[in-house]
Amino acid sequence: MLVLLDTNAYLRLAKRVKPLLGKEFGQKSYVLTILKVTEDEVRRSARLKFLYPWFNDQEFAEERLAKQVRLSKAERLEIEAMQSILRRYALENASRFTEKGRSPPSEEDCFLLAFGQVRTSIVVTDDLGMILLAKDFEIEVWHGHELLRKMRSAAFITNDLIRDLYRALEANGDLPATWEKAKHTTFKKVFGSKAPN
């Protein structure tokens, strides 16, 4: 089953989990991938290019190109139609998606979710607006830490790698609140129980 990484999920994992894309893991034969729309989002953003200068390094570019998902014309049309429905719904219900300073899901976010619905894939994101929209349309999503748990239980990654990822995200100020919460629950065997206050 295809597992789509959104932009932030890919950027959080790609530098440390190698190989990341195209390798099967778990009993359900999950295969991680990113879509070209995600690559384009990084290339268009001066901020992301500055923060992640390694993104265009040859090893990462070659891995993405080799594992890229190809869409038929019919699939693309179906995904674009669904993307339009999702985006319109998000904008019409903007107040739900802008709580706590969030932005409504973008065109790219809606494309990923539409792909997840049309191709029956799982979308990995820590974007709470995307997660809310996915729930409204019954599209399967995982938080990034849920993906890590599945990768760990399939021996795709080690406890040391999880600790390394957490350290890097904390150092970069990029540790999502959901990951912080999972640190001493989902990953109790990795980090231990949180000391009582």
N, C-alpha and C. Protein backbone atom coordinates (compact mmCIF):
# COMPACT_ATOMS: atom_id res chain seq x y z
N MET A 1 0.84 -1.19 0.00
CA MET A 1 0.00 0.00 0.00
C MET A 1 0.88 1.24 0.00
N LEU A 2 0.53 2.18 -0.86
CA LEU A 2 1.31 3.42 -0.95
C LEU A 2 1.07 4.30 0.27
N VAL A 3 2.15 4.89 0.77
CA VAL A 3 2.10 5.84 1.88
C VAL A 3 2.75 7.12 1.38
N LEU A 4 1.93 8.18 1.25
CA LEU A 4 2.42 9.46 0.71
C LEU A 4 2.93 10.36 1.82
N LEU A 5 4.13 10.86 1.65
CA LEU A 5 4.69 11.81 2.60
C LEU A 5 4.37 13.23 2.13
N ASP A 6 3.83 14.03 3.02
CA ASP A 6 3.66 15.43 2.64
C ASP A 6 5.02 16.11 2.75
N THR A 7 5.09 17.37 2.42
CA THR A 7 6.37 18.08 2.35
C THR A 7 7.14 17.98 3.66
N ASN A 8 6.49 18.33 4.78
CA ASN A 8 7.20 18.33 6.05
C ASN A 8 7.60 16.91 6.49
N ALA A 9 6.74 15.93 6.25
CA ALA A 9 7.09 14.56 6.61
C ALA A 9 8.33 14.10 5.85
N TYR A 10 8.38 14.41 4.57
CA TYR A 10 9.55 14.05 3.77
C TYR A 10 10.80 14.76 4.29
N LEU A 11 10.70 16.07 4.50
CA LEU A 11 11.86 16.85 4.92
C LEU A 11 12.36 16.42 6.31
N ARG A 12 11.46 15.96 7.16
CA ARG A 12 11.89 15.50 8.50
C ARG A 12 12.62 14.17 8.44
N LEU A 13 12.30 13.33 7.46
CA LEU A 13 12.83 11.96 7.45
C LEU A 13 13.96 11.71 6.45
N ALA A 14 13.91 12.36 5.30
CA ALA A 14 14.76 11.95 4.17
C ALA A 14 16.25 11.96 4.46
N LYS A 15 16.71 12.90 5.25
CA LYS A 15 18.15 13.03 5.48
C LYS A 15 18.69 11.93 6.39
N ARG A 16 17.83 11.35 7.22
CA ARG A 16 18.29 10.37 8.21
C ARG A 16 17.87 8.94 7.93
N VAL A 17 16.75 8.75 7.22
CA VAL A 17 16.28 7.39 6.93
C VAL A 17 16.65 7.08 5.47
N LYS A 18 17.66 6.23 5.31
CA LYS A 18 18.14 5.92 3.96
C LYS A 18 18.26 4.41 3.79
N PRO A 19 17.73 3.83 2.72
CA PRO A 19 16.83 4.48 1.76
C PRO A 19 15.46 4.71 2.39
N LEU A 20 14.77 5.72 1.94
CA LEU A 20 13.45 6.06 2.48
C LEU A 20 12.33 5.64 1.54
N LEU A 21 12.48 5.97 0.27
CA LEU A 21 11.38 5.79 -0.68
C LEU A 21 11.46 4.44 -1.40
N GLY A 22 10.28 3.87 -1.65
CA GLY A 22 10.20 2.69 -2.50
C GLY A 22 10.49 1.36 -1.84
N LYS A 23 10.89 1.36 -0.57
CA LYS A 23 11.22 0.11 0.12
C LYS A 23 9.99 -0.39 0.88
N GLU A 24 9.63 -1.65 0.66
CA GLU A 24 8.47 -2.24 1.35
C GLU A 24 8.79 -2.54 2.80
N PHE A 25 7.79 -2.33 3.67
CA PHE A 25 7.96 -2.71 5.07
C PHE A 25 6.60 -3.04 5.67
N GLY A 26 6.62 -3.81 6.74
CA GLY A 26 5.39 -4.13 7.46
C GLY A 26 4.59 -5.22 6.80
N GLN A 27 3.62 -5.75 7.57
CA GLN A 27 2.79 -6.85 7.09
C GLN A 27 1.90 -6.44 5.91
N LYS A 28 1.58 -5.13 5.84
CA LYS A 28 0.72 -4.67 4.74
C LYS A 28 1.52 -4.16 3.55
N SER A 29 2.82 -4.42 3.56
CA SER A 29 3.70 -4.02 2.45
C SER A 29 3.56 -2.53 2.12
N TYR A 30 3.76 -1.70 3.14
CA TYR A 30 3.73 -0.25 2.93
C TYR A 30 4.93 0.17 2.09
N VAL A 31 4.72 1.13 1.21
CA VAL A 31 5.79 1.69 0.39
C VAL A 31 5.69 3.21 0.45
N LEU A 32 6.76 3.85 0.93
CA LEU A 32 6.76 5.31 1.05
C LEU A 32 7.10 5.96 -0.28
N THR A 33 6.42 7.07 -0.56
CA THR A 33 6.71 7.84 -1.76
C THR A 33 6.35 9.31 -1.53
N ILE A 34 6.85 10.15 -2.41
CA ILE A 34 6.35 11.53 -2.46
C ILE A 34 5.93 11.80 -3.89
N LEU A 35 5.05 12.74 -4.05
CA LEU A 35 4.56 13.10 -5.37
C LEU A 35 5.32 14.30 -5.90
N LYS A 36 5.27 14.47 -7.21
CA LYS A 36 5.97 15.59 -7.84
C LYS A 36 5.46 16.93 -7.31
N VAL A 37 4.19 16.99 -6.97
CA VAL A 37 3.61 18.23 -6.44
C VAL A 37 4.33 18.65 -5.15
N THR A 38 4.78 17.66 -4.37
CA THR A 38 5.52 17.94 -3.14
C THR A 38 6.90 18.49 -3.47
N GLU A 39 7.57 17.88 -4.44
CA GLU A 39 8.87 18.40 -4.88
C GLU A 39 8.74 19.84 -5.37
N ASP A 40 7.71 20.07 -6.18
CA ASP A 40 7.50 21.41 -6.74
C ASP A 40 7.27 22.44 -5.63
N GLU A 41 6.57 22.03 -4.57
CA GLU A 41 6.30 22.94 -3.45
C GLU A 41 7.61 23.39 -2.81
N VAL A 42 8.55 22.46 -2.64
CA VAL A 42 9.85 22.81 -2.05
C VAL A 42 10.62 23.74 -3.00
N ARG A 43 10.62 23.41 -4.27
CA ARG A 43 11.39 24.20 -5.24
C ARG A 43 10.86 25.63 -5.38
N ARG A 44 9.56 25.82 -5.16
CA ARG A 44 8.96 27.16 -5.27
C ARG A 44 9.17 28.01 -4.02
N SER A 45 9.55 27.37 -2.90
CA SER A 45 9.64 28.09 -1.64
C SER A 45 11.09 28.46 -1.31
N ALA A 46 11.37 29.75 -1.33
CA ALA A 46 12.72 30.22 -0.99
C ALA A 46 13.07 29.82 0.44
N ARG A 47 12.08 29.86 1.34
CA ARG A 47 12.31 29.51 2.74
C ARG A 47 12.72 28.05 2.88
N LEU A 48 11.97 27.15 2.21
CA LEU A 48 12.29 25.73 2.31
C LEU A 48 13.63 25.42 1.65
N LYS A 49 13.92 26.05 0.52
CA LYS A 49 15.22 25.82 -0.14
C LYS A 49 16.37 26.27 0.76
N PHE A 50 16.15 27.37 1.49
CA PHE A 50 17.18 27.86 2.41
C PHE A 50 17.36 26.91 3.60
N LEU A 51 16.23 26.45 4.17
CA LEU A 51 16.29 25.59 5.35
C LEU A 51 16.77 24.17 5.04
N TYR A 52 16.51 23.70 3.81
CA TYR A 52 16.86 22.32 3.45
C TYR A 52 17.70 22.32 2.17
N PRO A 53 18.94 22.85 2.25
CA PRO A 53 19.76 22.96 1.04
C PRO A 53 20.12 21.60 0.42
N TRP A 54 20.03 20.54 1.20
CA TRP A 54 20.35 19.19 0.71
C TRP A 54 19.27 18.63 -0.21
N PHE A 55 18.10 19.25 -0.24
CA PHE A 55 16.96 18.71 -0.99
C PHE A 55 17.32 18.36 -2.44
N ASN A 56 18.09 19.22 -3.10
CA ASN A 56 18.44 18.99 -4.50
C ASN A 56 19.75 18.24 -4.69
N ASP A 57 20.36 17.75 -3.61
CA ASP A 57 21.55 16.92 -3.76
C ASP A 57 21.22 15.71 -4.62
N GLN A 58 22.19 15.26 -5.37
CA GLN A 58 21.96 14.20 -6.35
C GLN A 58 21.35 12.94 -5.75
N GLU A 59 21.85 12.48 -4.60
CA GLU A 59 21.33 11.22 -4.03
C GLU A 59 19.84 11.31 -3.72
N PHE A 60 19.38 12.45 -3.21
CA PHE A 60 17.96 12.61 -2.88
C PHE A 60 17.12 12.77 -4.14
N ALA A 61 17.62 13.57 -5.09
CA ALA A 61 16.90 13.78 -6.35
C ALA A 61 16.75 12.47 -7.12
N GLU A 62 17.82 11.67 -7.16
CA GLU A 62 17.76 10.39 -7.88
C GLU A 62 16.79 9.42 -7.21
N GLU A 63 16.79 9.38 -5.87
CA GLU A 63 15.87 8.48 -5.18
C GLU A 63 14.42 8.88 -5.46
N ARG A 64 14.13 10.18 -5.41
CA ARG A 64 12.76 10.63 -5.68
C ARG A 64 12.35 10.31 -7.10
N LEU A 65 13.25 10.55 -8.06
CA LEU A 65 12.93 10.30 -9.46
C LEU A 65 12.69 8.81 -9.71
N ALA A 66 13.52 7.97 -9.12
CA ALA A 66 13.40 6.52 -9.34
C ALA A 66 12.12 5.95 -8.76
N LYS A 67 11.63 6.55 -7.69
CA LYS A 67 10.46 6.01 -6.99
C LYS A 67 9.20 6.83 -7.23
N GLN A 68 9.24 7.71 -8.22
CA GLN A 68 8.09 8.58 -8.49
C GLN A 68 6.89 7.78 -9.00
N VAL A 69 5.72 8.17 -8.55
CA VAL A 69 4.48 7.52 -8.96
C VAL A 69 4.01 8.14 -10.28
N ARG A 70 3.71 7.30 -11.23
CA ARG A 70 3.20 7.78 -12.52
C ARG A 70 1.67 7.68 -12.51
N LEU A 71 1.05 8.71 -13.02
CA LEU A 71 -0.42 8.73 -13.08
C LEU A 71 -0.89 8.66 -14.53
N SER A 72 -1.94 7.89 -14.76
CA SER A 72 -2.55 7.90 -16.09
C SER A 72 -3.34 9.21 -16.21
N LYS A 73 -3.70 9.55 -17.44
CA LYS A 73 -4.47 10.77 -17.67
C LYS A 73 -5.80 10.70 -16.93
N ALA A 74 -6.44 9.53 -16.95
CA ALA A 74 -7.74 9.37 -16.28
C ALA A 74 -7.59 9.54 -14.76
N GLU A 75 -6.53 8.96 -14.20
CA GLU A 75 -6.29 9.11 -12.75
C GLU A 75 -6.06 10.56 -12.39
N ARG A 76 -5.23 11.23 -13.18
CA ARG A 76 -4.94 12.63 -12.90
C ARG A 76 -6.22 13.47 -12.92
N LEU A 77 -7.07 13.24 -13.89
CA LEU A 77 -8.33 13.99 -13.97
C LEU A 77 -9.22 13.72 -12.76
N GLU A 78 -9.28 12.46 -12.34
CA GLU A 78 -10.09 12.10 -11.18
C GLU A 78 -9.52 12.75 -9.90
N ILE A 79 -8.21 12.73 -9.78
CA ILE A 79 -7.56 13.33 -8.60
C ILE A 79 -7.78 14.84 -8.60
N GLU A 80 -7.62 15.47 -9.75
CA GLU A 80 -7.81 16.92 -9.83
C GLU A 80 -9.25 17.32 -9.51
N ALA A 81 -10.22 16.50 -9.94
CA ALA A 81 -11.63 16.78 -9.61
C ALA A 81 -11.83 16.69 -8.10
N MET A 82 -11.27 15.67 -7.48
CA MET A 82 -11.39 15.52 -6.03
C MET A 82 -10.65 16.62 -5.30
N GLN A 83 -9.50 17.01 -5.82
CA GLN A 83 -8.72 18.11 -5.24
C GLN A 83 -9.56 19.38 -5.21
N SER A 84 -10.27 19.65 -6.29
CA SER A 84 -11.11 20.83 -6.38
C SER A 84 -12.22 20.80 -5.33
N ILE A 85 -12.82 19.63 -5.13
CA ILE A 85 -13.89 19.49 -4.12
C ILE A 85 -13.32 19.73 -2.72
N LEU A 86 -12.16 19.16 -2.42
CA LEU A 86 -11.54 19.32 -1.11
C LEU A 86 -11.17 20.77 -0.84
N ARG A 87 -10.56 21.41 -1.84
CA ARG A 87 -10.12 22.80 -1.68
C ARG A 87 -11.32 23.72 -1.48
N ARG A 88 -12.37 23.53 -2.27
CA ARG A 88 -13.58 24.35 -2.12
C ARG A 88 -14.18 24.18 -0.73
N TYR A 89 -14.25 22.92 -0.27
CA TYR A 89 -14.79 22.63 1.05
C TYR A 89 -13.95 23.31 2.14
N ALA A 90 -12.62 23.25 2.01
CA ALA A 90 -11.74 23.87 3.00
C ALA A 90 -11.94 25.38 3.04
N LEU A 91 -12.08 26.00 1.87
CA LEU A 91 -12.25 27.45 1.82
C LEU A 91 -13.64 27.87 2.31
N GLU A 92 -14.65 27.07 2.00
CA GLU A 92 -16.02 27.39 2.45
C GLU A 92 -16.16 27.22 3.96
N ASN A 93 -15.31 26.41 4.55
CA ASN A 93 -15.34 26.17 6.00
C ASN A 93 -14.06 26.67 6.65
N ALA A 94 -13.56 27.79 6.14
CA ALA A 94 -12.24 28.30 6.53
C ALA A 94 -12.11 28.49 8.04
N SER A 95 -13.18 28.90 8.71
CA SER A 95 -13.07 29.14 10.16
C SER A 95 -12.65 27.88 10.92
N ARG A 96 -13.10 26.70 10.45
CA ARG A 96 -12.71 25.44 11.09
C ARG A 96 -11.22 25.16 10.90
N PHE A 97 -10.70 25.57 9.76
CA PHE A 97 -9.31 25.23 9.40
C PHE A 97 -8.30 26.30 9.81
N THR A 98 -8.79 27.45 10.28
CA THR A 98 -7.86 28.52 10.66
C THR A 98 -7.77 28.72 12.16
N GLU A 99 -8.40 27.84 12.93
CA GLU A 99 -8.30 27.93 14.39
C GLU A 99 -6.84 27.78 14.81
N LYS A 100 -6.48 28.45 15.89
CA LYS A 100 -5.13 28.37 16.47
C LYS A 100 -4.05 28.78 15.47
N GLY A 101 -4.37 29.75 14.59
CA GLY A 101 -3.38 30.30 13.67
C GLY A 101 -3.04 29.43 12.48
N ARG A 102 -3.82 28.38 12.25
CA ARG A 102 -3.54 27.51 11.10
C ARG A 102 -4.01 28.16 9.81
N SER A 103 -3.51 27.65 8.69
CA SER A 103 -3.99 28.06 7.37
C SER A 103 -4.85 26.94 6.80
N PRO A 104 -5.83 27.26 5.99
CA PRO A 104 -6.60 26.18 5.35
C PRO A 104 -5.67 25.33 4.49
N PRO A 105 -5.98 24.05 4.30
CA PRO A 105 -5.14 23.20 3.45
C PRO A 105 -4.94 23.84 2.07
N SER A 106 -3.70 23.80 1.60
CA SER A 106 -3.33 24.42 0.32
C SER A 106 -3.76 23.54 -0.85
N GLU A 107 -3.55 24.06 -2.06
CA GLU A 107 -3.81 23.28 -3.27
C GLU A 107 -3.02 21.97 -3.24
N GLU A 108 -1.73 22.07 -2.84
CA GLU A 108 -0.87 20.88 -2.79
C GLU A 108 -1.38 19.88 -1.75
N ASP A 109 -1.78 20.41 -0.59
CA ASP A 109 -2.33 19.54 0.47
C ASP A 109 -3.56 18.79 -0.05
N CYS A 110 -4.43 19.52 -0.72
CA CYS A 110 -5.66 18.91 -1.24
C CYS A 110 -5.36 17.89 -2.33
N PHE A 111 -4.30 18.13 -3.12
CA PHE A 111 -3.92 17.15 -4.14
C PHE A 111 -3.48 15.84 -3.48
N LEU A 112 -2.67 15.95 -2.42
CA LEU A 112 -2.22 14.74 -1.72
C LEU A 112 -3.40 13.97 -1.15
N LEU A 113 -4.31 14.68 -0.51
CA LEU A 113 -5.47 14.01 0.07
C LEU A 113 -6.36 13.40 -1.02
N ALA A 114 -6.51 14.11 -2.13
CA ALA A 114 -7.30 13.58 -3.25
C ALA A 114 -6.65 12.31 -3.79
N PHE A 115 -5.32 12.33 -3.92
CA PHE A 115 -4.60 11.14 -4.37
C PHE A 115 -4.85 9.99 -3.40
N GLY A 116 -4.78 10.30 -2.10
CA GLY A 116 -5.02 9.28 -1.08
C GLY A 116 -6.39 8.63 -1.21
N GLN A 117 -7.38 9.44 -1.57
CA GLN A 117 -8.72 8.89 -1.73
C GLN A 117 -8.88 8.11 -3.04
N VAL A 118 -8.40 8.68 -4.13
CA VAL A 118 -8.57 8.04 -5.45
C VAL A 118 -7.74 6.76 -5.56
N ARG A 119 -6.49 6.80 -5.09
CA ARG A 119 -5.61 5.64 -5.22
C ARG A 119 -5.56 4.78 -3.94
N THR A 120 -6.44 5.05 -3.00
CA THR A 120 -6.50 4.34 -1.71
C THR A 120 -5.10 4.23 -1.11
N SER A 121 -4.56 5.38 -0.75
CA SER A 121 -3.24 5.49 -0.13
C SER A 121 -3.39 6.13 1.23
N ILE A 122 -2.34 6.07 2.01
CA ILE A 122 -2.30 6.72 3.32
C ILE A 122 -1.44 7.98 3.17
N VAL A 123 -1.91 9.09 3.72
CA VAL A 123 -1.16 10.34 3.66
C VAL A 123 -0.54 10.58 5.04
N VAL A 124 0.75 10.86 5.05
CA VAL A 124 1.45 11.16 6.30
C VAL A 124 1.64 12.67 6.40
N THR A 125 1.10 13.25 7.46
CA THR A 125 1.20 14.68 7.68
C THR A 125 1.04 15.00 9.16
N ASP A 126 1.67 16.09 9.57
CA ASP A 126 1.44 16.61 10.92
C ASP A 126 0.67 17.93 10.86
N ASP A 127 0.19 18.26 9.68
CA ASP A 127 -0.61 19.46 9.46
C ASP A 127 -2.02 19.19 9.98
N LEU A 128 -2.39 19.86 11.07
CA LEU A 128 -3.67 19.57 11.71
C LEU A 128 -4.86 19.94 10.83
N GLY A 129 -4.69 20.95 9.96
CA GLY A 129 -5.75 21.31 9.03
C GLY A 129 -5.99 20.20 8.01
N MET A 130 -4.91 19.62 7.51
CA MET A 130 -5.02 18.50 6.57
C MET A 130 -5.68 17.30 7.24
N ILE A 131 -5.29 17.06 8.49
CA ILE A 131 -5.84 15.90 9.21
C ILE A 131 -7.34 16.08 9.42
N LEU A 132 -7.74 17.30 9.76
CA LEU A 132 -9.17 17.59 9.95
C LEU A 132 -9.94 17.39 8.64
N LEU A 133 -9.39 17.90 7.53
CA LEU A 133 -10.04 17.75 6.23
C LEU A 133 -10.12 16.27 5.84
N ALA A 134 -9.06 15.54 6.07
CA ALA A 134 -9.05 14.10 5.75
C ALA A 134 -10.13 13.36 6.53
N LYS A 135 -10.29 13.71 7.81
CA LYS A 135 -11.32 13.04 8.62
C LYS A 135 -12.71 13.33 8.08
N ASP A 136 -12.93 14.58 7.64
CA ASP A 136 -14.24 14.94 7.09
C ASP A 136 -14.58 14.11 5.85
N PHE A 137 -13.56 13.70 5.10
CA PHE A 137 -13.78 12.94 3.87
C PHE A 137 -13.37 11.47 4.00
N GLU A 138 -13.10 11.04 5.23
CA GLU A 138 -12.74 9.64 5.52
C GLU A 138 -11.54 9.17 4.69
N ILE A 139 -10.52 10.02 4.61
CA ILE A 139 -9.27 9.69 3.94
C ILE A 139 -8.28 9.31 5.05
N GLU A 140 -7.59 8.19 4.87
CA GLU A 140 -6.70 7.71 5.92
C GLU A 140 -5.43 8.56 5.99
N VAL A 141 -5.14 9.06 7.19
CA VAL A 141 -3.91 9.83 7.43
C VAL A 141 -3.21 9.30 8.67
N TRP A 142 -1.89 9.46 8.68
CA TRP A 142 -1.08 9.16 9.86
C TRP A 142 -0.31 10.41 10.22
N HIS A 143 -0.16 10.64 11.52
CA HIS A 143 0.83 11.62 11.97
C HIS A 143 2.21 11.04 11.68
N GLY A 144 3.22 11.89 11.61
CA GLY A 144 4.58 11.42 11.38
C GLY A 144 5.04 10.41 12.42
N HIS A 145 4.66 10.63 13.68
CA HIS A 145 5.10 9.69 14.73
C HIS A 145 4.43 8.33 14.57
N GLU A 146 3.22 8.30 13.97
CA GLU A 146 2.57 7.01 13.72
C GLU A 146 3.34 6.23 12.65
N LEU A 147 3.82 6.93 11.64
CA LEU A 147 4.66 6.29 10.63
C LEU A 147 5.93 5.74 11.29
N LEU A 148 6.56 6.54 12.13
CA LEU A 148 7.77 6.07 12.83
C LEU A 148 7.49 4.79 13.61
N ARG A 149 6.35 4.73 14.30
CA ARG A 149 6.01 3.54 15.09
C ARG A 149 5.89 2.32 14.19
N LYS A 150 5.23 2.49 13.05
CA LYS A 150 5.07 1.35 12.13
C LYS A 150 6.42 0.94 11.53
N MET A 151 7.26 1.92 11.22
CA MET A 151 8.58 1.61 10.69
C MET A 151 9.44 0.89 11.74
N ARG A 152 9.30 1.30 12.98
CA ARG A 152 10.06 0.67 14.07
C ARG A 152 9.60 -0.76 14.29
N SER A 153 8.28 -0.99 14.31
CA SER A 153 7.78 -2.34 14.56
C SER A 153 8.11 -3.28 13.40
N ALA A 154 8.37 -2.73 12.19
CA ALA A 154 8.76 -3.55 11.04
C ALA A 154 10.29 -3.65 10.92
N ALA A 155 11.00 -3.13 11.91
CA ALA A 155 12.47 -3.13 11.91
C ALA A 155 13.05 -2.38 10.69
N PHE A 156 12.30 -1.41 10.20
CA PHE A 156 12.77 -0.55 9.12
C PHE A 156 13.73 0.49 9.69
N ILE A 157 13.45 0.94 10.93
CA ILE A 157 14.31 1.88 11.63
C ILE A 157 14.58 1.36 13.04
N THR A 158 15.62 1.88 13.66
CA THR A 158 16.03 1.45 15.00
C THR A 158 15.65 2.49 16.05
N ASN A 159 15.72 2.08 17.30
CA ASN A 159 15.49 3.02 18.41
C ASN A 159 16.50 4.17 18.36
N ASP A 160 17.75 3.84 18.01
CA ASP A 160 18.78 4.89 17.92
C ASP A 160 18.42 5.93 16.86
N LEU A 161 17.89 5.47 15.74
CA LEU A 161 17.50 6.41 14.69
C LEU A 161 16.33 7.29 15.14
N ILE A 162 15.39 6.71 15.87
CA ILE A 162 14.27 7.51 16.39
C ILE A 162 14.80 8.58 17.33
N ARG A 163 15.70 8.20 18.23
CA ARG A 163 16.28 9.19 19.15
C ARG A 163 17.02 10.29 18.38
N ASP A 164 17.74 9.89 17.32
CA ASP A 164 18.48 10.84 16.49
C ASP A 164 17.51 11.81 15.80
N LEU A 165 16.42 11.28 15.26
CA LEU A 165 15.41 12.13 14.61
C LEU A 165 14.83 13.14 15.60
N TYR A 166 14.45 12.66 16.78
CA TYR A 166 13.90 13.56 17.79
C TYR A 166 14.90 14.65 18.17
N ARG A 167 16.16 14.26 18.38
CA ARG A 167 17.19 15.25 18.75
C ARG A 167 17.33 16.31 17.66
N ALA A 168 17.35 15.89 16.39
CA ALA A 168 17.50 16.82 15.27
C ALA A 168 16.30 17.76 15.18
N LEU A 169 15.09 17.22 15.32
CA LEU A 169 13.89 18.07 15.23
C LEU A 169 13.82 19.05 16.40
N GLU A 170 14.21 18.60 17.58
CA GLU A 170 14.24 19.51 18.74
C GLU A 170 15.26 20.62 18.52
N ALA A 171 16.45 20.26 18.02
CA ALA A 171 17.51 21.25 17.78
C ALA A 171 17.08 22.27 16.73
N ASN A 172 16.30 21.84 15.76
CA ASN A 172 15.84 22.73 14.69
C ASN A 172 14.55 23.47 15.04
N GLY A 173 13.99 23.21 16.23
CA GLY A 173 12.72 23.84 16.61
C GLY A 173 11.58 23.36 15.74
N ASP A 174 11.65 22.11 15.28
CA ASP A 174 10.67 21.58 14.33
C ASP A 174 9.97 20.33 14.86
N LEU A 175 9.91 20.18 16.17
CA LEU A 175 9.27 18.99 16.75
C LEU A 175 7.78 19.28 16.95
N PRO A 176 6.91 18.62 16.17
CA PRO A 176 5.47 18.86 16.33
C PRO A 176 4.98 18.45 17.72
N ALA A 177 3.94 19.10 18.19
CA ALA A 177 3.39 18.81 19.52
C ALA A 177 2.95 17.35 19.62
N THR A 178 2.42 16.80 18.52
CA THR A 178 1.97 15.40 18.55
C THR A 178 3.15 14.45 18.73
N TRP A 179 4.30 14.79 18.17
CA TRP A 179 5.51 13.97 18.35
C TRP A 179 5.97 14.04 19.79
N GLU A 180 5.92 15.25 20.35
CA GLU A 180 6.33 15.43 21.76
C GLU A 180 5.47 14.57 22.67
N LYS A 181 4.17 14.57 22.41
CA LYS A 181 3.25 13.77 23.21
C LYS A 181 3.55 12.28 23.06
N ALA A 182 3.89 11.86 21.84
CA ALA A 182 4.16 10.44 21.58
C ALA A 182 5.48 9.97 22.18
N LYS A 183 6.34 10.91 22.52
CA LYS A 183 7.69 10.57 22.99
C LYS A 183 7.67 9.61 24.18
N HIS A 184 6.78 9.86 25.13
CA HIS A 184 6.75 9.04 26.35
C HIS A 184 5.51 8.15 26.44
N THR A 185 4.79 8.03 25.32
CA THR A 185 3.65 7.11 25.27
C THR A 185 3.95 6.06 24.21
N THR A 186 3.82 6.44 22.94
CA THR A 186 4.11 5.53 21.83
C THR A 186 5.53 4.98 21.90
N PHE A 187 6.49 5.85 22.25
CA PHE A 187 7.90 5.47 22.24
C PHE A 187 8.47 5.31 23.66
N LYS A 188 7.63 4.83 24.55
CA LYS A 188 8.06 4.63 25.95
C LYS A 188 9.29 3.74 26.03
N LYS A 189 9.35 2.71 25.16
CA LYS A 189 10.50 1.80 25.19
C LYS A 189 11.76 2.44 24.60
N VAL A 190 11.60 3.53 23.88
CA VAL A 190 12.73 4.24 23.29
C VAL A 190 13.24 5.31 24.25
N PHE A 191 12.31 6.09 24.83
CA PHE A 191 12.69 7.23 25.66
C PHE A 191 12.42 7.03 27.15
N GLY A 192 11.65 6.00 27.49
CA GLY A 192 11.28 5.79 28.89
C GLY A 192 10.03 6.59 29.22
N SER A 193 9.50 6.35 30.41
CA SER A 193 8.32 7.09 30.86
C SER A 193 8.74 8.47 31.33
N LYS A 194 7.86 9.41 31.14
CA LYS A 194 8.14 10.78 31.59
C LYS A 194 8.09 10.80 33.11
N ALA A 195 9.05 11.45 33.71
CA ALA A 195 9.10 11.54 35.18
C ALA A 195 7.90 12.36 35.67
N PRO A 196 7.26 11.92 36.74
CA PRO A 196 6.11 12.69 37.27
C PRO A 196 6.56 14.06 37.76
N ASN A 197 5.66 15.05 37.66
CA ASN A 197 5.98 16.42 38.10
C ASN A 197 5.97 16.50 39.61
